[in-house]
Amino acid sequence: MKKLSVFLFLLLIACCSHAQLNMYSALTIPDSLRKDADIVMREENIKVTIKDKNTARLDVHQVFTVLNEQVKKSCFFRNIQISFRCLMRRR
């Protein structure tokens, strides 16, 4: 009996841990937005963190859904690192 309850408990955990939300499916985009669209921006988060006058960080997170195979060729990932020039005005 104890083995059966442990087995059922592990089976329940396995089933629940496998389930994920499909929040970026192309089917969730309304038809009015999908019409004549090649690519749709689903999410964009921009976060600026300033620790002190010499240290700052810019994080950009973007999620796109490509609806057209021809546009897929022009999509690319880029990673840009820049240094901030000045956060305080000189006197």
Protein backbone atom coordinates (compact mmCIF):
# COMPACT_ATOMS: atom_id res chain seq x y z
CA MET A 1 0.00 0.00 0.00
CA LYS A 2 2.81 2.37 0.89
CA LYS A 3 4.59 1.66 -2.42
CA LEU A 4 1.40 2.38 -4.34
CA SER A 5 0.87 5.73 -2.62
CA VAL A 6 4.51 6.73 -3.23
CA PHE A 7 4.18 5.71 -6.90
CA LEU A 8 0.98 7.74 -7.33
CA PHE A 9 2.56 10.74 -5.62
CA LEU A 10 5.61 10.62 -7.90
CA LEU A 11 3.38 10.17 -10.94
CA LEU A 12 1.38 13.25 -9.93
CA ILE A 13 4.56 15.30 -9.53
CA ALA A 14 5.84 14.14 -12.92
CA CYS A 15 2.58 15.09 -14.64
CA CYS A 16 2.38 18.51 -12.99
CA SER A 17 6.02 19.40 -13.61
CA HIS A 18 5.70 18.62 -17.32
CA ALA A 19 2.76 20.97 -17.87
CA GLN A 20 3.68 24.43 -19.14
CA LEU A 21 1.65 27.33 -20.42
CA ASN A 22 1.89 27.96 -24.15
CA MET A 23 1.63 31.72 -23.83
CA TYR A 24 3.55 32.58 -27.01
CA SER A 25 1.57 30.48 -29.46
CA ALA A 26 0.74 32.19 -32.75
CA LEU A 27 -2.85 31.02 -32.30
CA THR A 28 -3.30 33.43 -29.37
CA ILE A 29 -2.72 36.47 -31.61
CA PRO A 30 -6.03 38.04 -32.72
CA ASP A 31 -6.80 37.82 -36.44
CA SER A 32 -6.96 41.61 -36.71
CA LEU A 33 -3.29 41.84 -35.65
CA ARG A 34 -2.18 38.84 -37.71
CA LYS A 35 -3.60 40.23 -40.95
CA ASP A 36 -0.79 41.56 -43.21
CA ALA A 37 1.77 41.13 -40.39
CA ASP A 38 5.17 39.48 -40.82
CA ILE A 39 6.36 39.65 -37.21
CA VAL A 40 4.65 40.46 -33.90
CA MET A 41 6.37 41.71 -30.75
CA ARG A 42 4.93 39.71 -27.87
CA GLU A 43 6.85 41.11 -24.92
CA GLU A 44 9.44 43.79 -24.17
CA ASN A 45 11.06 44.51 -20.82
CA ILE A 46 13.68 47.21 -20.38
CA LYS A 47 15.41 47.45 -17.01
CA VAL A 48 18.02 50.03 -16.01
CA THR A 49 19.94 49.33 -12.80
CA ILE A 50 22.21 52.06 -11.41
CA LYS A 51 24.45 50.98 -8.52
CA ASP A 52 26.52 54.14 -8.24
CA LYS A 53 27.76 56.96 -10.46
CA ASN A 54 30.29 54.68 -12.17
CA THR A 55 28.26 51.46 -12.48
CA ALA A 56 25.05 50.96 -14.45
CA ARG A 57 23.41 48.06 -16.28
CA LEU A 58 20.83 48.00 -19.07
CA ASP A 59 18.86 44.76 -19.60
CA VAL A 60 16.57 44.36 -22.61
CA HIS A 61 14.31 41.30 -23.04
CA GLN A 62 12.23 41.01 -26.21
CA VAL A 63 10.03 38.19 -27.53
CA PHE A 64 8.92 38.12 -31.17
CA THR A 65 6.66 35.75 -33.10
CA VAL A 66 7.58 35.34 -36.77
CA LEU A 67 4.51 34.75 -38.93
CA ASN A 68 6.14 34.74 -42.37
CA GLU A 69 8.95 32.38 -43.46
CA GLN A 70 10.56 35.02 -45.71
CA VAL A 71 11.04 37.36 -42.72
CA LYS A 72 12.62 34.56 -40.69
CA LYS A 73 15.82 34.97 -42.73
CA SER A 74 16.22 38.60 -41.67
CA CYS A 75 15.78 37.97 -37.93
CA PHE A 76 18.99 37.90 -35.95
CA PHE A 77 20.21 38.17 -32.38
CA ARG A 78 22.53 40.96 -31.39
CA ASN A 79 24.35 41.61 -28.16
CA ILE A 80 25.55 45.16 -27.68
CA GLN A 81 27.83 46.22 -24.86
CA ILE A 82 28.37 49.90 -24.36
CA SER A 83 29.89 51.96 -21.60
CA PHE A 84 27.89 54.85 -20.24
CA ARG A 85 29.66 58.15 -20.78
CA CYS A 86 28.63 60.24 -17.80
CA LEU A 87 25.83 59.98 -15.25
CA MET A 88 26.62 63.24 -13.45
CA ARG A 89 26.96 66.66 -14.99
CA ARG A 90 30.45 68.19 -14.85
CA ARG A 91 30.83 71.53 -13.18
